[in-house]
């Protein structure tokens, strides 16, 4: 049964994510901070921050979770053709600041609200510096045209945002994320809340309880992201795990 919204203090803790409010988005707590230690703890428990400049810091654990299992990912025919063309230069962890800024600015230029506040940019940049956050970037003729970023927790990648300035650039970035996860032995990508775009990429919808069980089984795994940093190889549906 849902309980009243929890107000966090400076102590490092979160309530049980199963106690999130009954609304689909699963608002769980308010307050606290965006320190690296608190963010790591949040992602280990299936909790993430989501708010804008007009709101206090809000923490969520959705009743339904969108996830992608890398081994099951299959690009559409049109995306598969694009991937074979190697139309973009794709890199891992080489342009984090530019990618997170691109995600923020793209939404702003479209007149959409964004949760990627300056405080969030600072917080996730710190996670990148400690090896806990990662990005995929797509370049065309030397120009950044798409990408994504997120947080790694054990053998789970928790996606945060993606953007595309050229058709399908974000889908190419996501496809390379899938290949990178396969190579590193990561078998679960958390996409947070379901939406049509994620479902078009093959996302599946899990209950909160099932997602939390899968997460708990993986958070203590060791994954060496640094072995893949830099230019990524051409996409292949037959990529095999190195673990």
Protein backbone atom coordinates (compact mmCIF):
# COMPACT_ATOMS: atom_id res chain seq x y z
CA UNK A 1 0.00 0.00 0.00
CA UNK A 2 1.30 3.46 -0.90
CA UNK A 3 2.24 5.77 1.94
CA UNK A 4 2.63 9.54 2.25
CA UNK A 5 5.45 11.15 0.27
CA UNK A 6 8.78 10.88 2.10
CA UNK A 7 10.83 14.03 2.69
CA UNK A 8 14.57 13.32 2.60
CA UNK A 9 17.16 15.03 4.77
CA UNK A 10 20.95 15.10 4.52
CA UNK A 11 21.29 11.49 5.71
CA UNK A 12 22.02 9.08 2.87
CA UNK A 13 18.93 6.89 2.52
CA UNK A 14 15.77 6.25 0.51
CA UNK A 15 12.46 4.66 1.43
CA UNK A 16 11.55 1.30 -0.07
CA UNK A 17 10.75 1.97 -3.77
CA UNK A 18 7.66 -0.20 -3.41
CA UNK A 19 6.27 2.61 -1.23
CA UNK A 20 5.99 5.02 -4.19
CA UNK A 21 2.68 6.77 -4.63
CA UNK A 22 0.11 4.84 -6.63
CA UNK A 23 0.19 7.16 -9.66
CA UNK A 24 1.85 5.47 -12.67
CA UNK A 25 4.96 7.67 -12.52
CA UNK A 26 5.64 6.50 -8.97
CA UNK A 27 6.65 9.61 -7.03
CA UNK A 28 8.57 8.34 -4.01
CA UNK A 29 10.42 11.12 -2.20
CA UNK A 30 11.27 14.81 -2.15
CA UNK A 31 14.46 16.64 -1.16
CA UNK A 32 17.94 15.40 -0.45
CA UNK A 33 20.69 16.25 -2.92
CA UNK A 34 22.36 15.13 -6.14
CA UNK A 35 25.66 14.04 -4.63
CA UNK A 36 27.40 11.12 -6.39
CA UNK A 37 26.86 8.85 -3.38
CA UNK A 38 23.13 9.57 -3.23
CA UNK A 39 22.74 9.08 -6.98
CA UNK A 40 24.59 5.76 -6.83
CA UNK A 41 22.36 4.62 -3.98
CA UNK A 42 19.25 5.71 -5.86
CA UNK A 43 20.10 3.79 -9.02
CA UNK A 44 21.02 0.69 -7.01
CA UNK A 45 17.45 0.76 -5.68
CA UNK A 46 15.72 1.51 -8.98
CA UNK A 47 15.10 5.18 -8.10
CA UNK A 48 15.94 8.22 -10.21
CA UNK A 49 15.58 12.04 -9.96
CA UNK A 50 13.19 13.86 -12.29
CA UNK A 51 12.18 17.48 -11.82
CA UNK A 52 12.62 20.92 -13.39
CA UNK A 53 13.86 24.34 -12.26
CA UNK A 54 10.42 25.25 -10.91
CA UNK A 55 10.18 22.18 -8.68
CA UNK A 56 11.97 20.77 -5.65
CA UNK A 57 14.18 17.71 -6.10
CA UNK A 58 11.83 14.76 -6.75
CA UNK A 59 12.64 11.03 -6.77
CA UNK A 60 10.66 8.37 -8.68
CA UNK A 61 10.12 4.63 -8.93
CA UNK A 62 7.52 3.93 -11.65
CA UNK A 63 4.91 1.22 -11.28
CA UNK A 64 5.80 0.05 -14.80
CA UNK A 65 9.36 0.05 -16.10
CA UNK A 66 10.52 0.13 -19.71
CA UNK A 67 13.56 -2.08 -20.27
CA UNK A 68 15.52 -3.48 -23.19
CA UNK A 69 17.26 -6.84 -23.03
CA UNK A 70 20.27 -6.42 -25.35
CA UNK A 71 20.23 -10.03 -26.50
CA UNK A 72 16.64 -9.59 -27.76
CA UNK A 73 17.21 -6.30 -29.57
CA UNK A 74 16.47 -6.41 -33.28
CA UNK A 75 16.61 -3.20 -35.34
CA UNK A 76 13.90 -2.47 -37.87
CA UNK A 77 14.77 -3.14 -41.52
CA UNK A 78 15.30 0.56 -42.21
CA UNK A 79 17.52 0.98 -39.15
CA UNK A 80 19.47 -2.17 -40.03
CA UNK A 81 20.15 -0.75 -43.50
CA UNK A 82 21.35 2.53 -41.97
CA UNK A 83 23.63 0.70 -39.55
CA UNK A 84 25.22 -1.21 -42.43
CA UNK A 85 26.02 2.08 -44.15
CA UNK A 86 28.13 3.28 -41.20
CA UNK A 87 26.75 6.76 -41.85
CA UNK A 88 27.91 8.11 -38.48
CA UNK A 89 31.16 8.05 -36.54
CA UNK A 90 30.18 6.61 -33.17
CA UNK A 91 32.20 6.87 -29.96
CA UNK A 92 31.87 5.81 -26.35
CA UNK A 93 32.72 8.16 -23.46
CA UNK A 94 34.58 10.73 -25.54
CA UNK A 95 32.16 13.69 -25.50
CA UNK A 96 30.06 13.51 -22.33
CA UNK A 97 29.68 17.27 -21.80
CA UNK A 98 28.60 17.79 -25.40
CA UNK A 99 26.10 14.92 -25.31
CA UNK A 100 24.36 15.94 -22.09
CA UNK A 101 24.24 19.56 -23.32
CA UNK A 102 22.83 18.32 -26.63
CA UNK A 103 20.05 16.45 -24.84
CA UNK A 104 19.17 19.57 -22.86
CA UNK A 105 19.35 22.03 -25.76
CA UNK A 106 17.42 19.85 -28.20
CA UNK A 107 14.42 19.75 -25.90
CA UNK A 108 14.64 23.47 -25.23
CA UNK A 109 14.84 24.29 -28.94
CA UNK A 110 11.70 22.24 -29.51
CA UNK A 111 9.89 24.25 -26.85
CA UNK A 112 9.73 21.28 -24.49
CA UNK A 113 10.40 21.32 -20.78
CA UNK A 114 13.53 19.60 -19.54
CA UNK A 115 14.64 17.91 -16.34
CA UNK A 116 18.27 18.39 -17.43
CA UNK A 117 18.88 21.42 -15.25
CA UNK A 118 22.32 22.89 -14.62
CA UNK A 119 22.40 21.06 -11.29
CA UNK A 120 21.67 17.78 -13.09
CA UNK A 121 24.40 18.46 -15.65
CA UNK A 122 26.89 19.09 -12.85
CA UNK A 123 25.80 15.97 -10.95
CA UNK A 124 25.99 13.58 -13.91
CA UNK A 125 29.28 15.09 -15.06
CA UNK A 126 30.67 14.14 -11.65
CA UNK A 127 29.36 10.59 -12.16
CA UNK A 128 31.07 10.50 -15.54
CA UNK A 129 34.33 11.61 -13.94
CA UNK A 130 34.10 8.69 -11.49
CA UNK A 131 33.28 6.15 -14.21
CA UNK A 132 29.63 5.73 -13.19
CA UNK A 133 28.05 7.57 -16.15
CA UNK A 134 28.65 6.96 -19.85
CA UNK A 135 27.69 8.37 -23.22
CA UNK A 136 27.43 7.37 -26.85
CA UNK A 137 27.96 10.11 -29.45
CA UNK A 138 27.22 10.16 -33.18
CA UNK A 139 29.12 12.48 -35.51
CA UNK A 140 28.49 13.33 -39.15
CA UNK A 141 31.15 15.28 -41.05
CA UNK A 142 32.72 16.32 -37.74
CA UNK A 143 29.44 17.58 -36.24
CA UNK A 144 27.73 16.02 -33.22
CA UNK A 145 24.29 15.02 -34.49
CA UNK A 146 23.02 12.63 -31.83
CA UNK A 147 23.76 10.68 -28.72
CA UNK A 148 22.65 9.41 -25.36
CA UNK A 149 23.89 9.18 -21.78
CA UNK A 150 23.10 7.23 -18.66
CA UNK A 151 24.40 5.55 -15.52
CA UNK A 152 25.98 2.11 -15.12
CA UNK A 153 25.14 0.06 -12.04
CA UNK A 154 26.82 -3.33 -12.08
CA UNK A 155 25.67 -5.11 -15.24
CA UNK A 156 22.75 -2.71 -15.79
CA UNK A 157 22.78 0.46 -17.87
CA UNK A 158 20.23 3.08 -16.80
CA UNK A 159 19.44 5.35 -19.74
CA UNK A 160 18.74 9.00 -18.98
CA UNK A 161 18.22 10.88 -22.25
CA UNK A 162 18.98 10.87 -25.96
CA UNK A 163 18.81 13.39 -28.78
CA UNK A 164 18.98 13.49 -32.56
CA UNK A 165 19.74 16.39 -34.91
CA UNK A 166 19.74 14.15 -37.99
CA UNK A 167 17.22 11.47 -38.83
CA UNK A 168 17.75 8.28 -36.81
CA UNK A 169 20.99 9.44 -35.15
CA UNK A 170 19.65 8.64 -31.68
CA UNK A 171 18.51 5.20 -32.89
CA UNK A 172 22.00 4.54 -34.21
CA UNK A 173 23.43 5.63 -30.85
CA UNK A 174 21.03 3.28 -29.07
CA UNK A 175 21.95 0.39 -31.37
CA UNK A 176 25.61 0.94 -30.52
CA UNK A 177 24.73 1.06 -26.84
CA UNK A 178 23.11 -2.35 -27.25
CA UNK A 179 26.22 -3.71 -28.98
CA UNK A 180 28.46 -2.24 -26.29
CA UNK A 181 26.31 -3.82 -23.59
CA UNK A 182 26.47 -7.20 -25.31
CA UNK A 183 30.26 -6.97 -25.53
CA UNK A 184 30.60 -5.96 -21.87
CA UNK A 185 28.19 -8.62 -20.61
CA UNK A 186 25.43 -6.16 -19.66
CA UNK A 187 22.08 -7.85 -20.18
CA UNK A 188 19.62 -5.18 -18.97
CA UNK A 189 19.05 -1.59 -20.13
CA UNK A 190 16.70 0.45 -17.95
CA UNK A 191 14.74 2.98 -20.01
CA UNK A 192 12.69 4.25 -17.05
CA UNK A 193 9.11 5.12 -18.08
CA UNK A 194 7.52 3.57 -21.18
CA UNK A 195 6.78 5.77 -24.20
CA UNK A 196 6.09 5.09 -27.90
CA UNK A 197 9.65 5.88 -29.00
CA UNK A 198 11.15 3.39 -26.55
CA UNK A 199 8.60 0.74 -27.48
CA UNK A 200 9.53 1.26 -31.15
CA UNK A 201 13.11 0.37 -30.19
CA UNK A 202 11.99 -2.91 -28.68
CA UNK A 203 11.50 -1.89 -25.05
CA UNK A 204 9.44 -4.24 -22.89
CA UNK A 205 7.32 -3.19 -19.94
CA UNK A 206 7.95 -4.83 -16.56
CA UNK A 207 6.25 -4.39 -13.22
CA UNK A 208 8.21 -2.50 -10.60
CA UNK A 209 8.59 -5.67 -8.54
CA UNK A 210 10.05 -7.69 -11.41
CA UNK A 211 12.40 -4.90 -12.42
CA UNK A 212 13.68 -4.53 -8.86
CA UNK A 213 14.38 -8.27 -8.66
CA UNK A 214 16.37 -8.18 -11.91
CA UNK A 215 18.24 -5.09 -10.74
CA UNK A 216 19.14 -6.60 -7.35
CA UNK A 217 20.69 -9.63 -9.08
CA UNK A 218 23.02 -7.39 -11.12
CA UNK A 219 24.06 -4.34 -9.08
CA UNK A 220 27.20 -5.95 -7.64
CA UNK A 221 28.56 -7.25 -10.95
CA UNK A 222 31.86 -5.80 -12.18
CA UNK A 223 31.98 -4.31 -15.69
CA UNK A 224 35.02 -2.67 -17.28
CA UNK A 225 33.64 0.12 -19.47
CA UNK A 226 37.10 1.60 -20.08
CA UNK A 227 38.02 -1.25 -22.43
CA UNK A 228 35.48 0.06 -24.95
CA UNK A 229 36.13 3.82 -24.66
CA UNK A 230 36.78 5.68 -27.92
CA UNK A 231 35.61 4.91 -31.47
CA UNK A 232 33.19 2.00 -31.57
CA UNK A 233 33.34 -0.80 -34.14
CA UNK A 234 30.73 -1.10 -36.88
CA UNK A 235 27.43 -2.37 -35.57
CA UNK A 236 26.89 -6.12 -35.81
CA UNK A 237 23.94 -8.20 -34.74
CA UNK A 238 26.42 -10.98 -33.93
CA UNK A 239 28.43 -9.06 -31.29
CA UNK A 240 29.43 -11.41 -28.50
CA UNK A 241 30.07 -10.79 -24.82
CA UNK A 242 33.68 -10.46 -23.66
CA UNK A 243 32.78 -11.57 -20.12
